[in-house]
Amino acid sequence: MTIQKHDLIHELPEHKDTIHDLKVSNAHFARLFDEYHQVDKEMHRIEENIETPSDDYTNQRKHDRLALKDKLQKMILASIAN
């Protein structure tokens, strides 16, 4: 089974420069970015069977990752629109 990369640069490669700019200029974006990657690393360990939490916990973390990605993507798109 191939584990997909979900880090933000792989998810949104066309916005690499904007992501970098927001990380250094927007503390809220930087905090959400770090939180997203923490969840993504945890999910990667779960998908690799390094960690084996309950299905409920895994599903919640997947939901958390998606919600963070949505927030970050909205911030990226808002930054581009300005």
C-alpha atoms as a PDB file:
ATOM      1  CA  MET A   1       0.000   0.000   0.000  1.00  0.00           C
ATOM      2  CA  THR A   2       1.416   3.365  -1.037  1.00  0.00           C
ATOM      3  CA  ILE A   3       1.012   6.104   1.532  1.00  0.00           C
ATOM      4  CA  GLN A   4       0.066   9.430  -0.050  1.00  0.00           C
ATOM      5  CA  LYS A   5       1.819  12.602   0.991  1.00  0.00           C
ATOM      6  CA  HIS A   6      -0.566  15.132   2.457  1.00  0.00           C
ATOM      7  CA  ASP A   7       1.857  17.881   3.426  1.00  0.00           C
ATOM      8  CA  LEU A   8       0.600  21.243   2.253  1.00  0.00           C
ATOM      9  CA  ILE A   9       3.226  21.715  -0.465  1.00  0.00           C
ATOM     10  CA  HIS A  10       2.243  18.387  -2.064  1.00  0.00           C
ATOM     11  CA  GLU A  11      -1.448  19.187  -1.660  1.00  0.00           C
ATOM     12  CA  LEU A  12      -1.186  22.724  -3.091  1.00  0.00           C
ATOM     13  CA  PRO A  13       2.055  22.913  -5.109  1.00  0.00           C
ATOM     14  CA  GLU A  14       0.804  25.808  -7.226  1.00  0.00           C
ATOM     15  CA  HIS A  15       0.712  27.969  -4.069  1.00  0.00           C
ATOM     16  CA  LYS A  16       4.213  27.175  -2.783  1.00  0.00           C
ATOM     17  CA  ASP A  17       5.376  30.813  -2.832  1.00  0.00           C
ATOM     18  CA  THR A  18       2.195  32.102  -1.206  1.00  0.00           C
ATOM     19  CA  ILE A  19       2.454  29.451   1.512  1.00  0.00           C
ATOM     20  CA  HIS A  20       6.017  30.544   2.249  1.00  0.00           C
ATOM     21  CA  ASP A  21       5.055  34.226   2.335  1.00  0.00           C
ATOM     22  CA  LEU A  22       2.145  33.566   4.696  1.00  0.00           C
ATOM     23  CA  LYS A  23       4.267  31.387   6.985  1.00  0.00           C
ATOM     24  CA  VAL A  24       6.710  34.244   7.568  1.00  0.00           C
ATOM     25  CA  SER A  25       4.217  37.130   7.635  1.00  0.00           C
ATOM     26  CA  ASN A  26       1.100  35.725   9.323  1.00  0.00           C
ATOM     27  CA  ALA A  27       1.458  34.185  12.791  1.00  0.00           C
ATOM     28  CA  HIS A  28      -2.034  32.653  12.694  1.00  0.00           C
ATOM     29  CA  PHE A  29      -1.316  30.966   9.355  1.00  0.00           C
ATOM     30  CA  ALA A  30       2.036  29.724  10.667  1.00  0.00           C
ATOM     31  CA  ARG A  31       0.364  28.214  13.752  1.00  0.00           C
ATOM     32  CA  LEU A  32      -2.313  26.469  11.662  1.00  0.00           C
ATOM     33  CA  PHE A  33       0.356  25.311   9.201  1.00  0.00           C
ATOM     34  CA  ASP A  34       2.357  23.735  12.037  1.00  0.00           C
ATOM     35  CA  GLU A  35      -0.769  22.155  13.517  1.00  0.00           C
ATOM     36  CA  TYR A  36      -1.735  20.732  10.114  1.00  0.00           C
ATOM     37  CA  HIS A  37       1.681  19.141   9.715  1.00  0.00           C
ATOM     38  CA  GLN A  38       1.611  17.702  13.235  1.00  0.00           C
ATOM     39  CA  VAL A  39      -1.705  15.997  12.457  1.00  0.00           C
ATOM     40  CA  ASP A  40      -0.406  14.883   9.063  1.00  0.00           C
ATOM     41  CA  LYS A  41       2.682  13.292  10.656  1.00  0.00           C
ATOM     42  CA  GLU A  42       0.471  11.525  13.179  1.00  0.00           C
ATOM     43  CA  MET A  43      -1.787  10.242  10.394  1.00  0.00           C
ATOM     44  CA  HIS A  44       1.245   9.024   8.471  1.00  0.00           C
ATOM     45  CA  ARG A  45       2.358   6.987  11.512  1.00  0.00           C
ATOM     46  CA  ILE A  46      -1.156   5.560  11.792  1.00  0.00           C
ATOM     47  CA  GLU A  47      -1.257   4.678   8.082  1.00  0.00           C
ATOM     48  CA  GLU A  48       2.151   2.978   8.413  1.00  0.00           C
ATOM     49  CA  ASN A  49       0.796   0.975  11.385  1.00  0.00           C
ATOM     50  CA  ILE A  50       3.432   2.478  13.661  1.00  0.00           C
ATOM     51  CA  GLU A  51       0.587   3.658  15.871  1.00  0.00           C
ATOM     52  CA  THR A  52      -2.712   1.813  16.135  1.00  0.00           C
ATOM     53  CA  PRO A  53      -5.338   4.010  17.786  1.00  0.00           C
ATOM     54  CA  SER A  54      -9.071   3.360  17.694  1.00  0.00           C
ATOM     55  CA  ASP A  55     -11.021   3.884  14.499  1.00  0.00           C
ATOM     56  CA  ASP A  56     -12.938   6.735  16.132  1.00  0.00           C
ATOM     57  CA  TYR A  57      -9.686   8.537  16.987  1.00  0.00           C
ATOM     58  CA  THR A  58      -8.280   7.948  13.509  1.00  0.00           C
ATOM     59  CA  ASN A  59     -11.433   9.267  11.855  1.00  0.00           C
ATOM     60  CA  GLN A  60     -11.392  12.342  14.104  1.00  0.00           C
ATOM     61  CA  ARG A  61      -7.779  13.082  13.207  1.00  0.00           C
ATOM     62  CA  LYS A  62      -8.597  12.704   9.495  1.00  0.00           C
ATOM     63  CA  HIS A  63     -11.412  15.190  10.000  1.00  0.00           C
ATOM     64  CA  ASP A  64      -9.050  17.537  11.879  1.00  0.00           C
ATOM     65  CA  ARG A  65      -6.504  17.376   9.058  1.00  0.00           C
ATOM     66  CA  LEU A  66      -9.137  18.162   6.442  1.00  0.00           C
ATOM     67  CA  ALA A  67     -10.579  21.049   8.474  1.00  0.00           C
ATOM     68  CA  LEU A  68      -7.114  22.558   8.919  1.00  0.00           C
ATOM     69  CA  LYS A  69      -6.366  22.143   5.222  1.00  0.00           C
ATOM     70  CA  ASP A  70      -9.624  23.919   4.351  1.00  0.00           C
ATOM     71  CA  LYS A  71      -8.779  26.848   6.668  1.00  0.00           C
ATOM     72  CA  LEU A  72      -5.282  27.130   5.256  1.00  0.00           C
ATOM     73  CA  GLN A  73      -6.511  26.946   1.673  1.00  0.00           C
ATOM     74  CA  LYS A  74      -9.045  29.718   2.323  1.00  0.00           C
ATOM     75  CA  MET A  75      -6.302  31.887   3.794  1.00  0.00           C
ATOM     76  CA  ILE A  76      -4.077  31.192   0.783  1.00  0.00           C
ATOM     77  CA  LEU A  77      -6.817  32.045  -1.692  1.00  0.00           C
ATOM     78  CA  ALA A  78      -7.755  35.205   0.245  1.00  0.00           C
ATOM     79  CA  SER A  79      -4.109  36.281   0.181  1.00  0.00           C
ATOM     80  CA  ILE A  80      -3.953  35.814  -3.585  1.00  0.00           C
ATOM     81  CA  ALA A  81      -7.186  37.763  -4.087  1.00  0.00           C
ATOM     82  CA  ASN A  82      -5.794  40.788  -2.240  1.00  0.00           C
END
